[in-house]
Amino acid sequence: MSKYDIKDFIGKKRVPEEIENKLKSAGYWDHFKDMREKLKADGAIPAEARAKALVMSLNLIEEKENAGKKETKEKSVKKKVGYSLDDFTKKSTTPRKVFDWIYNHLWIEDIDTQEAPSSGAFFHLRELQSSPLMKSKFLEIYTNRNSPTRAALELEDEILNDDGTDISNFLDKIEDKIKNLKSEYESEKDIEK
């Protein structure tokens, strides 16, 4: 929607200096004059032709400025982001590696895209870093999935509290089995001779 209206200029005998300067600096002064003359040639009274030509020229300037702002905004977003999906080509990973990578990088702000196992991991990490609530939920899930089970804890206890006798018995059995196999092999070899 334009901020200029024909009513703002009808009744004025000449173009306001501020508007004239704006048209000249934007390179639309000649456009304004050509439009005014065309409108007069089409039968508009001079005041109406001037007002319409001013509004049309000012709208063109506004459109050009808005397009420039949009382009600048897009460029600044690209510059601010600083990466593209091309940074992640030819990368493959597993969900487990992604999950661990995100956890290990949650508190690191400046991460190179080349370090990320995938684009999804990188963008997911950025989202988690931007939201304390999401970060907290992720940590809860990560901790729950990586906490050892009761059986694993009991096994660990058994291993840590083991005096070594069980393993030495196991090793003795293996040694006996090797001796038996060796003697069987030698006896078969003697039979073949």
Foldseek 3Di string as FASTA:
>chain_A
DDPADLVVQQPDPDDPPVLCVVCVVLVNNVVLVVQLVVVVVVPDDNSSSNSVSSRVSVVVVVVVVVVVVVVVVVVVVCVVVVDDQVLFPPADDDPVVLLVVLVVCLPPDDDDSVPHRHPVSVVVSVVLNVDVVSVVVSVVVVCVVPDDDPVVVVVVVCVVPDPCPVVVVVVVVVVVVVVVVVVVVVVVVVVVD
